[in-house]
Amino acid sequence: MESNLRELSIILKYKNQDVIYRFLKLFDVSKEEAEELFYETKKWLYASALNQELCKKGEVDFLIGVNDDLLMLDEMWHNFILFTIDYKEFCNDYFGFFIHHQPLKEKDGKNQARQEKLDFKKVQDERKIFFKKQYSFIYDVLGKDTLVKWHKIWPVKYSKENIKTLRK
């Protein structure tokens, strides 16, 4: 299986002022902050694409996902996706495939709730294992600074409550 995944340094050079412009219309952040969020979103998409490729090859046994720590990055990703032609071209040009955004489905949410009622500790232990794998993957692929930013700084800076106050 040959990879079409471009190098991260090349991906990070991609610019789209329309994505930034729209985000600034939605959130009360500076242009620099919006550009940083878009930059970090491109890093997330790279990590996601690499993770998917490694999963297909059987080299990892999990798919990374967006959790509450990354809600503002998720907002930028949603914003980028709305520029459907640009987003599709970006994914195809830089990754060789489209990266879908798949939120939790109703049946999966109900299954999770059912499992938590049956064995809450087991579900919590499985989550810890998953997040340990995800954090290790992010550390290995994007480095310590990104891991700290995404999972120590942003959960405070971009909490659900703070995002509500930033939304216009």
C-alpha atoms as a PDB file:
ATOM      1  CA  MET A   1       0.000   0.000   0.000  1.00  0.00           C
ATOM      2  CA  GLU A   2       1.644   3.191  -1.193  1.00  0.00           C
ATOM      3  CA  SER A   3       0.976   6.371   0.732  1.00  0.00           C
ATOM      4  CA  ASN A   4      -0.138   9.627  -0.883  1.00  0.00           C
ATOM      5  CA  LEU A   5       0.301  11.439   2.421  1.00  0.00           C
ATOM      6  CA  ARG A   6       2.404  14.586   2.030  1.00  0.00           C
ATOM      7  CA  GLU A   7       4.949  15.709   4.597  1.00  0.00           C
ATOM      8  CA  LEU A   8       3.570  17.719   7.497  1.00  0.00           C
ATOM      9  CA  SER A   9       5.781  20.718   6.684  1.00  0.00           C
ATOM     10  CA  ILE A  10       4.191  20.926   3.215  1.00  0.00           C
ATOM     11  CA  ILE A  11       0.654  20.526   4.589  1.00  0.00           C
ATOM     12  CA  LEU A  12       1.202  23.315   7.106  1.00  0.00           C
ATOM     13  CA  LYS A  13       2.012  25.767   4.296  1.00  0.00           C
ATOM     14  CA  TYR A  14      -1.543  25.464   2.944  1.00  0.00           C
ATOM     15  CA  LYS A  15      -3.456  28.729   3.360  1.00  0.00           C
ATOM     16  CA  ASN A  16      -7.141  29.523   2.978  1.00  0.00           C
ATOM     17  CA  GLN A  17      -8.142  33.067   3.926  1.00  0.00           C
ATOM     18  CA  ASP A  18     -11.822  32.309   3.331  1.00  0.00           C
ATOM     19  CA  VAL A  19     -11.745  29.754   6.147  1.00  0.00           C
ATOM     20  CA  ILE A  20     -10.108  32.305   8.454  1.00  0.00           C
ATOM     21  CA  TYR A  21     -12.533  35.057   7.393  1.00  0.00           C
ATOM     22  CA  ARG A  22     -15.605  32.934   8.121  1.00  0.00           C
ATOM     23  CA  PHE A  23     -14.223  31.765  11.463  1.00  0.00           C
ATOM     24  CA  LEU A  24     -13.684  35.396  12.495  1.00  0.00           C
ATOM     25  CA  LYS A  25     -17.333  36.060  11.671  1.00  0.00           C
ATOM     26  CA  LEU A  26     -18.345  33.239  14.031  1.00  0.00           C
ATOM     27  CA  PHE A  27     -15.966  33.736  16.968  1.00  0.00           C
ATOM     28  CA  ASP A  28     -14.594  36.711  18.832  1.00  0.00           C
ATOM     29  CA  VAL A  29     -10.918  35.821  18.394  1.00  0.00           C
ATOM     30  CA  SER A  30      -8.025  37.679  16.795  1.00  0.00           C
ATOM     31  CA  LYS A  31      -6.921  36.898  13.267  1.00  0.00           C
ATOM     32  CA  GLU A  32      -3.697  35.456  14.705  1.00  0.00           C
ATOM     33  CA  GLU A  33      -5.686  33.142  16.980  1.00  0.00           C
ATOM     34  CA  ALA A  34      -7.877  31.994  14.083  1.00  0.00           C
ATOM     35  CA  GLU A  35      -4.767  31.334  11.988  1.00  0.00           C
ATOM     36  CA  GLU A  36      -3.223  29.339  14.846  1.00  0.00           C
ATOM     37  CA  LEU A  37      -6.408  27.272  15.174  1.00  0.00           C
ATOM     38  CA  PHE A  38      -6.374  26.580  11.437  1.00  0.00           C
ATOM     39  CA  TYR A  39      -2.684  25.638  11.639  1.00  0.00           C
ATOM     40  CA  GLU A  40      -3.429  23.216  14.481  1.00  0.00           C
ATOM     41  CA  THR A  41      -6.415  21.819  12.560  1.00  0.00           C
ATOM     42  CA  LYS A  42      -4.106  20.972   9.646  1.00  0.00           C
ATOM     43  CA  LYS A  43      -1.850  19.167  12.133  1.00  0.00           C
ATOM     44  CA  TRP A  44      -4.878  17.263  13.452  1.00  0.00           C
ATOM     45  CA  LEU A  45      -5.916  16.291   9.921  1.00  0.00           C
ATOM     46  CA  TYR A  46      -2.387  15.087   9.161  1.00  0.00           C
ATOM     47  CA  ALA A  47      -2.323  12.985  12.336  1.00  0.00           C
ATOM     48  CA  SER A  48      -5.762  11.610  11.516  1.00  0.00           C
ATOM     49  CA  ALA A  49      -4.736  10.699   7.949  1.00  0.00           C
ATOM     50  CA  LEU A  50      -1.551   9.009   9.157  1.00  0.00           C
ATOM     51  CA  ASN A  51      -3.474   7.176  11.863  1.00  0.00           C
ATOM     52  CA  GLN A  52      -6.001   5.909   9.313  1.00  0.00           C
ATOM     53  CA  GLU A  53      -3.234   4.670   7.013  1.00  0.00           C
ATOM     54  CA  LEU A  54      -1.458   2.878   9.875  1.00  0.00           C
ATOM     55  CA  CYS A  55      -4.753   1.352  10.982  1.00  0.00           C
ATOM     56  CA  LYS A  56      -5.392  -0.021   7.488  1.00  0.00           C
ATOM     57  CA  LYS A  57      -1.894  -1.560   7.503  1.00  0.00           C
ATOM     58  CA  GLY A  58      -2.552  -3.101  10.917  1.00  0.00           C
ATOM     59  CA  GLU A  59       0.234  -1.077  12.534  1.00  0.00           C
ATOM     60  CA  VAL A  60      -2.116   0.567  15.061  1.00  0.00           C
ATOM     61  CA  ASP A  61      -5.345  -0.792  16.501  1.00  0.00           C
ATOM     62  CA  PHE A  62      -7.286   2.422  17.108  1.00  0.00           C
ATOM     63  CA  LEU A  63      -8.533   5.524  15.314  1.00  0.00           C
ATOM     64  CA  ILE A  64      -7.863   8.865  16.964  1.00  0.00           C
ATOM     65  CA  GLY A  65     -10.818  11.091  17.701  1.00  0.00           C
ATOM     66  CA  VAL A  66     -11.745  14.579  18.830  1.00  0.00           C
ATOM     67  CA  ASN A  67     -12.616  14.826  22.514  1.00  0.00           C
ATOM     68  CA  ASP A  68     -13.705  17.786  24.666  1.00  0.00           C
ATOM     69  CA  ASP A  69     -10.092  19.015  24.905  1.00  0.00           C
ATOM     70  CA  LEU A  70     -10.215  19.840  21.196  1.00  0.00           C
ATOM     71  CA  LEU A  71     -13.624  21.486  20.865  1.00  0.00           C
ATOM     72  CA  MET A  72     -12.275  24.720  19.388  1.00  0.00           C
ATOM     73  CA  LEU A  73     -10.160  22.785  16.892  1.00  0.00           C
ATOM     74  CA  ASP A  74     -13.337  20.889  16.030  1.00  0.00           C
ATOM     75  CA  GLU A  75     -15.098  24.220  15.434  1.00  0.00           C
ATOM     76  CA  MET A  76     -12.368  25.191  12.972  1.00  0.00           C
ATOM     77  CA  TRP A  77     -12.589  21.781  11.302  1.00  0.00           C
ATOM     78  CA  HIS A  78     -16.372  22.207  10.894  1.00  0.00           C
ATOM     79  CA  ASN A  79     -15.734  25.643   9.438  1.00  0.00           C
ATOM     80  CA  PHE A  80     -13.206  24.246   6.940  1.00  0.00           C
ATOM     81  CA  ILE A  81     -15.526  21.414   5.925  1.00  0.00           C
ATOM     82  CA  LEU A  82     -18.209  23.933   4.950  1.00  0.00           C
ATOM     83  CA  PHE A  83     -15.896  25.070   2.155  1.00  0.00           C
ATOM     84  CA  THR A  84     -16.646  21.681   0.626  1.00  0.00           C
ATOM     85  CA  ILE A  85     -14.730  22.085  -2.628  1.00  0.00           C
ATOM     86  CA  ASP A  86     -11.640  23.475  -0.896  1.00  0.00           C
ATOM     87  CA  TYR A  87     -11.795  20.835   1.851  1.00  0.00           C
ATOM     88  CA  LYS A  88     -12.184  17.985  -0.633  1.00  0.00           C
ATOM     89  CA  GLU A  89      -9.273  19.267  -2.753  1.00  0.00           C
ATOM     90  CA  PHE A  90      -7.134  19.757   0.361  1.00  0.00           C
ATOM     91  CA  CYS A  91      -7.756  16.192   1.550  1.00  0.00           C
ATOM     92  CA  ASN A  92      -7.150  14.683  -1.886  1.00  0.00           C
ATOM     93  CA  ASP A  93      -4.052  16.784  -2.613  1.00  0.00           C
ATOM     94  CA  TYR A  94      -2.364  16.355   0.775  1.00  0.00           C
ATOM     95  CA  PHE A  95      -3.577  12.954   1.974  1.00  0.00           C
ATOM     96  CA  GLY A  96      -4.787  11.099  -1.101  1.00  0.00           C
ATOM     97  CA  PHE A  97      -8.224  10.510   0.443  1.00  0.00           C
ATOM     98  CA  PHE A  98     -11.110  12.384   2.021  1.00  0.00           C
ATOM     99  CA  ILE A  99     -11.087  12.651   5.812  1.00  0.00           C
ATOM    100  CA  HIS A 100     -14.664  12.323   6.990  1.00  0.00           C
ATOM    101  CA  HIS A 101     -15.942  13.964  10.131  1.00  0.00           C
ATOM    102  CA  GLN A 102     -18.069  11.365  11.871  1.00  0.00           C
ATOM    103  CA  PRO A 103     -19.704  12.373  15.160  1.00  0.00           C
ATOM    104  CA  LEU A 104     -21.025   9.841  17.648  1.00  0.00           C
ATOM    105  CA  LYS A 105     -24.042   8.049  16.224  1.00  0.00           C
ATOM    106  CA  GLU A 106     -27.200   7.618  18.299  1.00  0.00           C
ATOM    107  CA  LYS A 107     -26.916   3.829  18.474  1.00  0.00           C
ATOM    108  CA  ASP A 108     -23.257   4.078  19.570  1.00  0.00           C
ATOM    109  CA  GLY A 109     -24.157   6.617  22.264  1.00  0.00           C
ATOM    110  CA  LYS A 110     -26.926   4.353  23.521  1.00  0.00           C
ATOM    111  CA  ASN A 111     -24.558   1.364  23.518  1.00  0.00           C
ATOM    112  CA  GLN A 112     -22.017   3.379  25.510  1.00  0.00           C
ATOM    113  CA  ALA A 113     -24.655   4.381  28.057  1.00  0.00           C
ATOM    114  CA  ARG A 114     -25.802   0.750  28.349  1.00  0.00           C
ATOM    115  CA  GLN A 115     -22.240  -0.480  28.841  1.00  0.00           C
ATOM    116  CA  GLU A 116     -21.594   2.193  31.480  1.00  0.00           C
ATOM    117  CA  LYS A 117     -24.647   1.019  33.424  1.00  0.00           C
ATOM    118  CA  LEU A 118     -23.465  -2.599  33.235  1.00  0.00           C
ATOM    119  CA  ASP A 119     -19.803  -2.004  34.124  1.00  0.00           C
ATOM    120  CA  PHE A 120     -18.826   1.631  34.592  1.00  0.00           C
ATOM    121  CA  LYS A 121     -15.300   0.816  35.779  1.00  0.00           C
ATOM    122  CA  LYS A 122     -14.585  -1.342  32.730  1.00  0.00           C
ATOM    123  CA  VAL A 123     -15.755   1.425  30.363  1.00  0.00           C
ATOM    124  CA  GLN A 124     -13.628   3.999  32.224  1.00  0.00           C
ATOM    125  CA  ASP A 125     -10.591   1.693  32.073  1.00  0.00           C
ATOM    126  CA  GLU A 126     -11.099   1.191  28.318  1.00  0.00           C
ATOM    127  CA  ARG A 127     -11.319   4.975  27.824  1.00  0.00           C
ATOM    128  CA  LYS A 128      -8.082   5.460  29.741  1.00  0.00           C
ATOM    129  CA  ILE A 129      -6.356   2.905  27.514  1.00  0.00           C
ATOM    130  CA  PHE A 130      -7.740   4.568  24.376  1.00  0.00           C
ATOM    131  CA  PHE A 131      -6.671   8.061  25.424  1.00  0.00           C
ATOM    132  CA  LYS A 132      -3.244   6.829  26.467  1.00  0.00           C
ATOM    133  CA  LYS A 133      -2.829   5.408  22.941  1.00  0.00           C
ATOM    134  CA  GLN A 134      -4.124   8.614  21.367  1.00  0.00           C
ATOM    135  CA  TYR A 135      -1.890  10.871  23.486  1.00  0.00           C
ATOM    136  CA  SER A 136       1.129   8.665  22.756  1.00  0.00           C
ATOM    137  CA  PHE A 137       0.342   8.800  19.044  1.00  0.00           C
ATOM    138  CA  ILE A 138       0.046  12.606  19.082  1.00  0.00           C
ATOM    139  CA  TYR A 139       3.281  12.868  21.065  1.00  0.00           C
ATOM    140  CA  ASP A 140       5.116  10.589  18.630  1.00  0.00           C
ATOM    141  CA  VAL A 141       3.742  12.260  15.474  1.00  0.00           C
ATOM    142  CA  LEU A 142       3.407  15.925  16.463  1.00  0.00           C
ATOM    143  CA  GLY A 143       5.576  16.274  19.554  1.00  0.00           C
ATOM    144  CA  LYS A 144       5.318  17.215  23.182  1.00  0.00           C
ATOM    145  CA  ASP A 145       4.442  20.883  22.576  1.00  0.00           C
ATOM    146  CA  THR A 146       1.363  19.954  20.537  1.00  0.00           C
ATOM    147  CA  LEU A 147       0.248  17.378  23.094  1.00  0.00           C
ATOM    148  CA  VAL A 148       0.581  19.912  25.919  1.00  0.00           C
ATOM    149  CA  LYS A 149      -1.208  22.641  23.938  1.00  0.00           C
ATOM    150  CA  TRP A 150      -4.086  20.393  22.935  1.00  0.00           C
ATOM    151  CA  HIS A 151      -4.601  18.518  26.183  1.00  0.00           C
ATOM    152  CA  LYS A 152      -3.361  20.836  28.954  1.00  0.00           C
ATOM    153  CA  ILE A 153      -3.724  24.431  27.724  1.00  0.00           C
ATOM    154  CA  TRP A 154      -6.724  24.257  25.393  1.00  0.00           C
ATOM    155  CA  PRO A 155      -9.076  22.418  27.780  1.00  0.00           C
ATOM    156  CA  VAL A 156      -8.852  25.508  29.994  1.00  0.00           C
ATOM    157  CA  LYS A 157      -8.578  28.191  27.313  1.00  0.00           C
ATOM    158  CA  TYR A 158     -11.297  26.635  25.132  1.00  0.00           C
ATOM    159  CA  SER A 159     -13.602  25.043  27.646  1.00  0.00           C
ATOM    160  CA  LYS A 160     -17.254  24.668  26.657  1.00  0.00           C
ATOM    161  CA  GLU A 161     -18.078  27.728  28.754  1.00  0.00           C
ATOM    162  CA  ASN A 162     -15.325  29.836  27.172  1.00  0.00           C
ATOM    163  CA  ILE A 163     -16.311  28.805  23.664  1.00  0.00           C
ATOM    164  CA  LYS A 164     -19.875  29.972  24.386  1.00  0.00           C
ATOM    165  CA  THR A 165     -18.573  33.413  25.320  1.00  0.00           C
ATOM    166  CA  LEU A 166     -16.413  33.567  22.170  1.00  0.00           C
ATOM    167  CA  ARG A 167     -19.264  32.627  19.841  1.00  0.00           C
ATOM    168  CA  LYS A 168     -20.790  35.691  18.157  1.00  0.00           C
END
